Amino acid sequence: MTAIKITKLDTSNSNFNSQLNEKLAWDETDDFEVQQQVLNIISSVRKNGDKAVLDYSNQFDQTSFKKVSEIELKVETLKHAWDTLSAEKADALQTAANRITSYAEQQKIQSWQYTEDDGTVLGQKITALDKVGLYVPGGKAAYPSSVLMNAIPAKVAGVSELIMVVPTPRGKTNQLVLAAAYIAGVDRIFTIGGAQAIAALAYGTKTIPAVDKIVGPGNIYVATAKKMVFGQVGIDMIAGPSEILVICDGKTNPDWIAMDLFSQAEHDENAQAILISDQQQFLNQVEQSINKLLAEMERKHIIAASLSSRGILIKVNNLKQAAEVANIIAPEHLELSVENPESLNQHIRHAGAIFMGRYTAEALGDYCAGPNHVLPTSSTARYSSPLGVYDFQKRSSIINCSEIGASTLGQTASILARGESLTAHARSAEYRIKS
């Protein structure tokens, strides 16, 4: 293959910031035609329920469903998928599930309260969501790892009913996906996808129950539908293309770093892979490794397109400056491939997941390390976090005033309420003031 030309930036260049912003820009222009299509689909599902879901599934997924009972898979089908899995795949799936569960168990938020001197009790009650919908892509890609990453935290949180939707183009199911659903404790599965599945989960049909929150990745139609139903239900996030940023001190095998960059670039042409180093010679070595190893890759054309259009090699003056640049980028995945990652990590403020040291490949986090692989993209790590148990829990405030507390607080509330000309508020509080 022809050598890839990757963008090279240097922080010593006066135009560095503008050049970096230009390469980071990701503006997936709203497709108004897609929006209109999705709006029509949602409207039809709300109006016609199961019939619309069947019609759209047959149209888009080339299925031949005749009645709505055909779209729900029985638990026995999931168990059979698990029971007939090869020992190697079953062991890998179970190992990943166990590690994800162990990590998720540490994330549970507990209820708490305290009592003030006058006997007033204040606190917070934690409850799990009742019903959650999990969207799992089908067709060209099948992601059993995403089933585990989305379903297990929900179950650890205590979600009562987890409903999964997964398209089955031409009626074909994926054994690993069904097996993952079985061991993750998914309660019901419907073989539908696209915007019609999101609409059904949001508003409910006679067969498909409405949920409280929808999680899981999907194509532009799924993402657009999630945006449109937000408010009716909660959603996890609208994810952009995959990203990886590696900071290296020049002492890691350049082939390792090249392959780490490939691991995200192979997702799609819009994925972004970035390497930052204070060693120019090392940047050159990694570029050589990229061009040497590319020919071996099954998805070499996707990798080449990704690295050519959005890949960046950045030269910095020192590792502290590398951390400063990383905080500007706020990447989905950040590898600290350096001698002392703990020290460098002290300077990192914005990243979805941080992979520490030379031996911690980002790919481990995608499958089996334990932390969730559903991460904020497109610099949203500046204000958001990985998917976790806390995304499936709600917080309710607890206020239990004693007689004395009601009297004392009532005086304060009365003053503030009358200052806002809300007399009923004031009088409601004043009734409880002891004379």
Protein backbone atom coordinates (compact mmCIF):
# COMPACT_ATOMS: atom_id res chain seq x y z
CA MET A 1 0.00 0.00 0.00
CA THR A 2 1.01 3.62 -0.49
CA ALA A 3 2.53 5.16 2.63
CA ILE A 4 -0.01 7.00 4.81
CA LYS A 5 0.46 10.72 5.21
CA ILE A 6 -0.43 11.55 8.80
CA THR A 7 -0.80 15.12 10.01
CA LYS A 8 2.18 16.26 12.10
CA LEU A 9 1.86 19.07 14.62
CA ASP A 10 4.36 20.73 16.95
CA THR A 11 3.43 22.73 20.03
CA SER A 12 6.30 25.12 19.32
CA ASN A 13 4.50 26.26 16.17
CA SER A 14 2.60 29.53 16.68
CA ASN A 15 -0.39 28.09 14.81
CA PHE A 16 -0.54 24.90 16.88
CA ASN A 17 -3.82 25.61 18.68
CA SER A 18 -5.74 26.50 15.53
CA GLN A 19 -4.24 23.54 13.66
CA LEU A 20 -5.22 21.18 16.48
CA ASN A 21 -8.76 22.54 16.70
CA GLU A 22 -9.17 22.07 12.98
CA LYS A 23 -8.17 18.40 13.20
CA LEU A 24 -10.33 17.77 16.26
CA ALA A 25 -13.44 19.35 14.77
CA TRP A 26 -16.19 16.82 14.41
CA ASP A 27 -19.39 18.31 13.13
CA GLU A 28 -21.59 15.54 11.87
CA THR A 29 -23.90 17.94 10.08
CA ASP A 30 -27.51 17.28 10.92
CA ASP A 31 -29.08 15.35 8.08
CA PHE A 32 -32.55 16.85 7.83
CA GLU A 33 -33.70 14.06 5.53
CA VAL A 34 -32.73 11.52 8.18
CA GLN A 35 -34.44 13.62 10.84
CA GLN A 36 -37.66 13.70 8.85
CA GLN A 37 -37.54 9.95 8.22
CA VAL A 38 -36.99 9.25 11.90
CA LEU A 39 -39.76 11.66 12.90
CA ASN A 40 -42.16 9.85 10.57
CA ILE A 41 -41.13 6.46 11.97
CA ILE A 42 -41.61 7.59 15.58
CA SER A 43 -45.00 9.10 14.74
CA SER A 44 -46.10 5.91 12.99
CA VAL A 45 -45.00 3.67 15.87
CA ARG A 46 -46.83 5.88 18.37
CA LYS A 47 -49.97 5.71 16.25
CA ASN A 48 -49.90 2.13 14.93
CA GLY A 49 -47.82 0.33 17.55
CA ASP A 50 -46.86 -3.27 16.81
CA LYS A 51 -48.01 -3.11 13.18
CA ALA A 52 -45.64 -0.21 12.44
CA VAL A 53 -42.78 -2.00 14.19
CA LEU A 54 -43.34 -5.13 12.08
CA ASP A 55 -43.72 -3.21 8.83
CA TYR A 56 -40.53 -1.17 9.34
CA SER A 57 -38.54 -4.22 10.46
CA ASN A 58 -39.58 -6.17 7.39
CA GLN A 59 -38.77 -3.19 5.18
CA PHE A 60 -35.37 -2.24 6.59
CA ASP A 61 -34.03 -5.58 7.85
CA GLN A 62 -35.42 -7.77 5.08
CA THR A 63 -37.25 -9.94 7.59
CA SER A 64 -40.60 -11.63 7.02
CA PHE A 65 -42.40 -11.27 10.34
CA LYS A 66 -46.09 -12.09 10.02
CA LYS A 67 -47.18 -11.63 13.63
CA VAL A 68 -45.79 -9.72 16.55
CA SER A 69 -45.14 -12.85 18.63
CA GLU A 70 -42.34 -13.73 16.20
CA ILE A 71 -40.17 -10.80 17.21
CA GLU A 72 -39.63 -11.89 20.83
CA LEU A 73 -37.00 -14.51 21.56
CA LYS A 74 -37.71 -17.04 24.29
CA VAL A 75 -35.36 -17.40 27.24
CA GLU A 76 -34.77 -20.97 26.11
CA THR A 77 -33.28 -19.60 22.88
CA LEU A 78 -30.79 -17.52 24.83
CA LYS A 79 -29.90 -20.46 27.08
CA HIS A 80 -29.36 -22.67 24.04
CA ALA A 81 -26.99 -20.06 22.55
CA TRP A 82 -24.98 -20.14 25.79
CA ASP A 83 -25.07 -23.91 26.22
CA THR A 84 -23.81 -24.57 22.67
CA LEU A 85 -21.03 -21.99 22.73
CA SER A 86 -17.52 -23.35 22.38
CA ALA A 87 -15.66 -23.76 25.66
CA GLU A 88 -13.11 -21.14 24.62
CA LYS A 89 -15.71 -18.50 23.81
CA ALA A 90 -17.83 -19.33 26.85
CA ASP A 91 -14.81 -18.97 29.13
CA ALA A 92 -13.84 -15.62 27.58
CA LEU A 93 -17.40 -14.30 27.84
CA GLN A 94 -17.78 -15.45 31.45
CA THR A 95 -14.39 -14.03 32.44
CA ALA A 96 -15.32 -10.65 30.97
CA ALA A 97 -18.75 -10.75 32.65
CA ASN A 98 -17.23 -11.58 36.04
CA ARG A 99 -14.71 -8.74 35.83
CA ILE A 100 -17.31 -6.20 34.67
CA THR A 101 -19.60 -7.28 37.52
CA SER A 102 -16.84 -6.98 40.13
CA TYR A 103 -16.02 -3.46 38.98
CA ALA A 104 -19.68 -2.44 38.79
CA GLU A 105 -20.29 -3.64 42.36
CA GLN A 106 -17.88 -0.95 43.55
CA GLN A 107 -19.93 1.79 41.88
CA LYS A 108 -23.23 1.35 43.69
CA ILE A 109 -24.42 4.51 45.43
CA GLN A 110 -25.97 3.94 48.86
CA SER A 111 -28.75 5.84 50.61
CA TRP A 112 -27.67 8.11 53.48
CA GLN A 113 -29.11 10.49 56.07
CA TYR A 114 -28.18 12.54 59.10
CA THR A 115 -30.03 14.08 62.05
CA GLU A 116 -29.67 17.73 63.02
CA ASP A 117 -29.60 18.96 66.63
CA ASP A 118 -33.33 19.79 66.64
CA GLY A 119 -34.28 16.33 65.37
CA THR A 120 -34.76 17.21 61.72
CA VAL A 121 -33.62 14.38 59.41
CA LEU A 122 -32.11 15.07 55.99
CA GLY A 123 -30.85 12.51 53.53
CA GLN A 124 -30.91 10.90 50.13
CA LYS A 125 -32.75 7.77 49.02
CA ILE A 126 -31.26 5.71 46.18
CA THR A 127 -33.55 3.61 43.98
CA ALA A 128 -32.95 1.74 40.73
CA LEU A 129 -34.83 2.47 37.52
CA ASP A 130 -37.78 0.15 36.90
CA LYS A 131 -37.29 -0.62 33.21
CA VAL A 132 -34.32 -0.04 30.91
CA GLY A 133 -34.05 -0.60 27.17
CA LEU A 134 -30.76 -1.80 25.69
CA TYR A 135 -30.09 -1.26 21.99
CA VAL A 136 -27.58 -3.68 20.45
CA PRO A 137 -26.44 -3.25 16.83
CA GLY A 138 -26.96 -6.12 14.41
CA GLY A 139 -26.14 -6.72 10.76
CA LYS A 140 -22.53 -6.09 9.73
CA ALA A 141 -21.33 -5.72 13.31
CA ALA A 142 -22.17 -7.76 16.39
CA TYR A 143 -20.95 -6.62 19.79
CA PRO A 144 -21.43 -9.11 22.64
CA SER A 145 -19.02 -6.95 24.68
CA SER A 146 -21.50 -4.06 24.45
CA VAL A 147 -24.26 -6.32 25.76
CA LEU A 148 -22.17 -7.04 28.86
CA MET A 149 -21.06 -3.43 29.33
CA ASN A 150 -24.61 -2.07 29.18
CA ALA A 151 -26.59 -4.86 30.81
CA ILE A 152 -24.42 -5.79 33.78
CA PRO A 153 -24.28 -2.31 35.41
CA ALA A 154 -28.07 -2.08 35.04
CA LYS A 155 -28.55 -5.40 36.79
CA VAL A 156 -26.03 -4.56 39.51
CA ALA A 157 -27.96 -1.32 40.09
CA GLY A 158 -31.10 -3.38 40.65
CA VAL A 159 -33.08 -2.59 37.48
CA SER A 160 -36.21 -4.76 37.62
CA GLU A 161 -36.63 -5.36 33.90
CA LEU A 162 -33.99 -5.09 31.19
CA ILE A 163 -35.38 -5.21 27.67
CA MET A 164 -32.98 -5.67 24.78
CA VAL A 165 -33.64 -4.94 21.12
CA VAL A 166 -31.34 -6.22 18.40
CA PRO A 167 -32.00 -6.24 14.65
CA THR A 168 -31.69 -9.57 12.86
CA PRO A 169 -31.16 -8.79 9.14
CA ARG A 170 -32.68 -11.54 7.00
CA GLY A 171 -33.60 -13.32 10.21
CA LYS A 172 -30.03 -14.12 11.28
CA THR A 173 -29.11 -13.95 14.95
CA ASN A 174 -25.63 -13.82 16.47
CA GLN A 175 -24.88 -16.61 18.95
CA LEU A 176 -22.35 -14.61 20.99
CA VAL A 177 -24.77 -11.71 21.40
CA LEU A 178 -27.55 -14.01 22.61
CA ALA A 179 -25.20 -15.86 24.94
CA ALA A 180 -23.97 -12.56 26.38
CA ALA A 181 -27.57 -11.49 26.96
CA TYR A 182 -28.23 -14.76 28.79
CA ILE A 183 -25.33 -14.51 31.25
CA ALA A 184 -25.89 -10.76 31.76
CA GLY A 185 -29.45 -11.37 32.93
CA VAL A 186 -31.41 -9.65 30.14
CA ASP A 187 -35.11 -10.26 30.81
CA ARG A 188 -36.68 -9.91 27.35
CA ILE A 189 -35.29 -9.64 23.82
CA PHE A 190 -37.03 -8.35 20.72
CA THR A 191 -35.46 -8.87 17.29
CA ILE A 192 -36.04 -5.37 16.01
CA GLY A 193 -33.73 -2.42 15.40
CA GLY A 194 -33.49 1.05 13.94
CA ALA A 195 -35.55 4.09 14.85
CA GLN A 196 -38.67 1.91 15.17
CA ALA A 197 -37.08 -0.01 18.06
CA ILE A 198 -36.16 3.21 19.86
CA ALA A 199 -39.69 4.55 19.39
CA ALA A 200 -41.21 1.31 20.68
CA LEU A 201 -39.02 1.39 23.79
CA ALA A 202 -39.79 5.06 24.42
CA TYR A 203 -43.55 5.00 23.98
CA GLY A 204 -44.42 1.33 24.28
CA THR A 205 -46.66 -0.83 22.13
CA LYS A 206 -49.10 -3.59 23.01
CA THR A 207 -46.21 -6.06 22.98
CA ILE A 208 -43.12 -4.01 23.78
CA PRO A 209 -43.16 -2.25 27.16
CA ALA A 210 -42.16 1.39 27.49
CA VAL A 211 -38.93 1.88 29.43
CA ASP A 212 -37.51 4.64 31.60
CA LYS A 213 -34.11 4.89 29.91
CA ILE A 214 -32.50 3.71 26.66
CA VAL A 215 -28.81 2.84 26.44
CA GLY A 216 -26.55 1.35 23.79
CA PRO A 217 -24.90 2.34 20.48
CA GLY A 218 -26.42 2.50 17.01
CA ASN A 219 -26.24 4.08 13.56
CA ILE A 220 -27.31 7.61 12.62
CA TYR A 221 -31.01 6.61 12.58
CA VAL A 222 -30.76 5.16 16.08
CA ALA A 223 -28.79 8.16 17.36
CA THR A 224 -31.28 10.59 15.83
CA ALA A 225 -34.20 8.68 17.33
CA LYS A 226 -32.56 8.73 20.77
CA LYS A 227 -32.21 12.51 20.49
CA MET A 228 -35.86 12.86 19.56
CA VAL A 229 -37.29 10.69 22.35
CA PHE A 230 -35.07 12.21 25.06
CA GLY A 231 -37.38 13.73 27.63
CA GLN A 232 -39.94 11.01 27.18
CA VAL A 233 -37.18 8.68 28.36
CA GLY A 234 -33.63 9.13 29.56
CA ILE A 235 -30.71 8.19 27.30
CA ASP A 236 -27.09 7.39 28.01
CA MET A 237 -25.32 9.61 25.44
CA ILE A 238 -25.00 10.37 21.75
CA ALA A 239 -21.62 8.90 20.89
CA GLY A 240 -19.35 10.16 18.15
CA PRO A 241 -16.54 8.26 16.39
CA SER A 242 -14.07 6.20 18.44
CA GLU A 243 -10.95 7.97 19.71
CA ILE A 244 -7.58 7.06 21.16
CA LEU A 245 -4.82 9.34 22.40
CA VAL A 246 -1.44 7.87 23.36
CA ILE A 247 1.20 9.79 25.31
CA CYS A 248 4.58 8.06 25.06
CA ASP A 249 8.04 8.92 26.34
CA GLY A 250 9.71 7.15 23.41
CA LYS A 251 10.64 4.00 25.33
CA THR A 252 7.75 1.73 24.31
CA ASN A 253 8.08 -0.59 21.31
CA PRO A 254 6.88 1.55 18.35
CA ASP A 255 5.07 -1.47 16.88
CA TRP A 256 2.97 -1.69 20.05
CA ILE A 257 1.99 1.96 19.79
CA ALA A 258 1.18 1.69 16.08
CA MET A 259 -1.13 -1.26 16.79
CA ASP A 260 -2.77 0.63 19.68
CA LEU A 261 -3.57 3.43 17.23
CA PHE A 262 -4.91 0.86 14.76
CA SER A 263 -7.20 -0.60 17.43
CA GLN A 264 -9.47 2.43 17.28
CA ALA A 265 -8.79 3.52 13.70
CA GLU A 266 -10.20 0.20 12.47
CA HIS A 267 -13.67 1.04 13.83
CA ASP A 268 -14.50 3.40 10.97
CA GLU A 269 -13.07 6.04 8.68
CA ASN A 270 -14.07 8.84 11.07
CA ALA A 271 -12.30 7.37 14.11
CA GLN A 272 -9.42 9.44 15.48
CA ALA A 273 -6.02 8.17 16.62
CA ILE A 274 -3.46 10.59 18.09
CA LEU A 275 0.08 10.09 19.40
CA ILE A 276 1.89 12.68 21.54
CA SER A 277 5.58 12.41 22.38
CA ASP A 278 8.46 14.63 23.39
CA GLN A 279 10.78 12.50 21.22
CA GLN A 280 10.71 13.37 17.51
CA GLN A 281 12.71 10.28 16.60
CA PHE A 282 10.10 8.10 18.29
CA LEU A 283 7.27 9.77 16.37
CA ASN A 284 9.17 8.94 13.19
CA GLN A 285 9.63 5.33 14.31
CA VAL A 286 5.92 4.91 15.01
CA GLU A 287 5.09 6.34 11.60
CA GLN A 288 7.41 3.75 10.08
CA SER A 289 5.71 1.00 12.10
CA ILE A 290 2.32 2.18 10.92
CA ASN A 291 3.29 1.83 7.29
CA LYS A 292 5.06 -1.49 7.93
CA LEU A 293 2.17 -3.12 9.82
CA LEU A 294 -0.75 -1.72 7.85
CA ALA A 295 -0.55 -4.28 5.07
CA GLU A 296 -1.14 -7.07 7.60
CA MET A 297 -4.47 -5.65 8.78
CA GLU A 298 -7.81 -7.05 7.62
CA ARG A 299 -9.38 -3.59 7.83
CA LYS A 300 -6.37 -1.78 6.37
CA HIS A 301 -8.42 0.44 4.08
CA ILE A 302 -10.54 1.72 6.97
CA ILE A 303 -7.42 2.25 9.10
CA ALA A 304 -5.68 4.10 6.29
CA ALA A 305 -8.67 6.36 5.71
CA SER A 306 -8.97 7.12 9.43
CA LEU A 307 -5.29 7.91 9.96
CA SER A 308 -5.01 9.93 6.75
CA SER A 309 -8.02 12.13 7.50
CA ARG A 310 -8.03 12.43 11.29
CA GLY A 311 -4.81 10.89 12.65
CA ILE A 312 -2.25 13.22 14.30
CA LEU A 313 1.36 12.91 15.47
CA ILE A 314 2.11 15.69 17.97
CA LYS A 315 5.58 16.77 19.13
CA VAL A 316 5.68 18.44 22.56
CA ASN A 317 8.51 19.88 24.62
CA ASN A 318 7.94 17.64 27.67
CA LEU A 319 5.42 15.21 29.15
CA LYS A 320 3.73 17.84 31.31
CA GLN A 321 2.94 19.74 28.12
CA ALA A 322 1.65 16.47 26.66
CA ALA A 323 -0.83 16.29 29.54
CA GLU A 324 -1.92 19.87 28.87
CA VAL A 325 -2.62 19.01 25.23
CA ALA A 326 -4.46 15.86 26.32
CA ASN A 327 -6.72 17.95 28.55
CA ILE A 328 -7.61 20.14 25.58
CA ILE A 329 -8.46 17.07 23.49
CA ALA A 330 -10.35 15.31 26.36
CA PRO A 331 -10.15 11.93 24.62
CA GLU A 332 -12.39 8.92 24.93
CA HIS A 333 -9.39 6.62 25.54
CA LEU A 334 -6.04 7.85 26.90
CA GLU A 335 -2.95 5.67 27.11
CA LEU A 336 -0.11 6.87 29.34
CA SER A 337 2.67 4.72 27.87
CA VAL A 338 5.43 6.21 30.03
CA GLU A 339 7.89 5.22 32.74
CA ASN A 340 5.88 6.76 35.58
CA PRO A 341 2.19 6.87 34.57
CA GLU A 342 1.01 7.62 38.11
CA SER A 343 2.99 10.85 38.15
CA LEU A 344 1.75 11.94 34.73
CA ASN A 345 -1.82 11.04 35.64
CA GLN A 346 -1.75 13.76 38.31
CA HIS A 347 -1.87 16.29 35.48
CA ILE A 348 -4.76 14.64 33.58
CA ARG A 349 -8.21 16.16 34.15
CA HIS A 350 -10.25 15.12 31.13
CA ALA A 351 -10.43 11.58 29.72
CA GLY A 352 -13.07 8.88 29.44
CA ALA A 353 -10.73 6.05 30.46
CA ILE A 354 -7.04 6.20 31.35
CA PHE A 355 -4.78 3.23 30.57
CA MET A 356 -1.69 3.30 32.74
CA GLY A 357 1.74 2.06 31.67
CA ARG A 358 3.31 0.32 28.70
CA TYR A 359 1.53 -3.00 29.16
CA THR A 360 -2.03 -1.68 29.37
CA ALA A 361 -3.44 -1.76 25.86
CA GLU A 362 -6.70 0.11 25.33
CA ALA A 363 -8.16 -3.04 23.76
CA LEU A 364 -8.21 -4.69 27.20
CA GLY A 365 -10.66 -2.04 28.33
CA ASP A 366 -12.91 -2.73 25.37
CA TYR A 367 -13.48 -6.30 26.44
CA CYS A 368 -12.47 -7.58 29.81
CA ALA A 369 -10.48 -5.25 32.11
CA GLY A 370 -13.65 -4.44 34.07
CA PRO A 371 -14.38 -0.70 33.69
CA ASN A 372 -17.08 0.19 31.19
CA HIS A 373 -16.22 0.74 27.54
CA VAL A 374 -19.18 3.08 26.98
CA LEU A 375 -17.28 6.36 27.17
CA PRO A 376 -17.74 10.05 26.33
CA THR A 377 -16.43 11.06 22.89
CA SER A 378 -15.86 14.29 20.96
CA SER A 379 -14.33 16.10 23.97
CA THR A 380 -17.41 15.50 26.11
CA ALA A 381 -15.12 13.93 28.73
CA ARG A 382 -14.76 17.55 29.88
CA TYR A 383 -18.13 17.19 31.61
CA SER A 384 -19.34 13.60 31.38
CA SER A 385 -18.31 10.15 32.57
CA PRO A 386 -18.26 6.50 31.52
CA LEU A 387 -21.50 4.53 31.73
CA GLY A 388 -21.85 2.98 35.18
CA VAL A 389 -24.17 1.63 37.81
CA TYR A 390 -24.97 5.21 38.84
CA ASP A 391 -26.63 5.77 35.44
CA PHE A 392 -29.30 3.26 36.42
CA GLN A 393 -29.94 4.70 39.88
CA LYS A 394 -32.04 7.69 40.91
CA ARG A 395 -31.59 9.99 43.90
CA SER A 396 -34.51 11.26 45.96
CA SER A 397 -34.06 13.88 48.66
CA ILE A 398 -35.34 13.05 52.17
CA ILE A 399 -36.61 15.86 54.45
CA ASN A 400 -38.27 15.05 57.77
CA CYS A 401 -38.68 18.12 59.96
CA SER A 402 -39.14 17.94 63.69
CA GLU A 403 -41.65 20.33 65.28
CA ILE A 404 -38.84 22.65 66.35
CA GLY A 405 -37.10 22.35 62.97
CA ALA A 406 -40.30 23.21 61.10
CA SER A 407 -40.71 26.32 63.22
CA THR A 408 -37.15 27.50 62.74
CA LEU A 409 -37.01 26.75 59.01
CA GLY A 410 -40.51 28.17 58.57
CA GLN A 411 -39.32 31.61 59.60
CA THR A 412 -36.52 31.56 57.02
CA ALA A 413 -38.78 30.18 54.30
CA SER A 414 -41.44 32.80 55.07
CA ILE A 415 -39.03 35.68 54.57
CA LEU A 416 -37.67 34.30 51.31
CA ALA A 417 -41.12 33.36 49.95
CA ARG A 418 -42.59 36.79 50.64
CA GLY A 419 -39.52 38.30 49.03
CA GLU A 420 -40.53 36.40 45.89
CA SER A 421 -44.22 37.42 46.29
CA LEU A 422 -45.24 33.78 46.71
CA THR A 423 -47.69 34.24 49.56
CA ALA A 424 -49.07 30.70 49.62
CA HIS A 425 -45.54 29.37 50.04
CA ALA A 426 -44.99 31.74 52.94
CA ARG A 427 -48.29 30.95 54.68
CA SER A 428 -47.76 27.20 54.24
CA ALA A 429 -44.47 27.52 56.13
CA GLU A 430 -45.91 30.00 58.67
CA TYR A 431 -48.67 27.58 59.78
CA ARG A 432 -45.92 25.41 61.30
CA ILE A 433 -44.18 28.26 63.20
CA LYS A 434 -44.64 27.94 66.93
CA SER A 435 -45.99 31.13 68.48
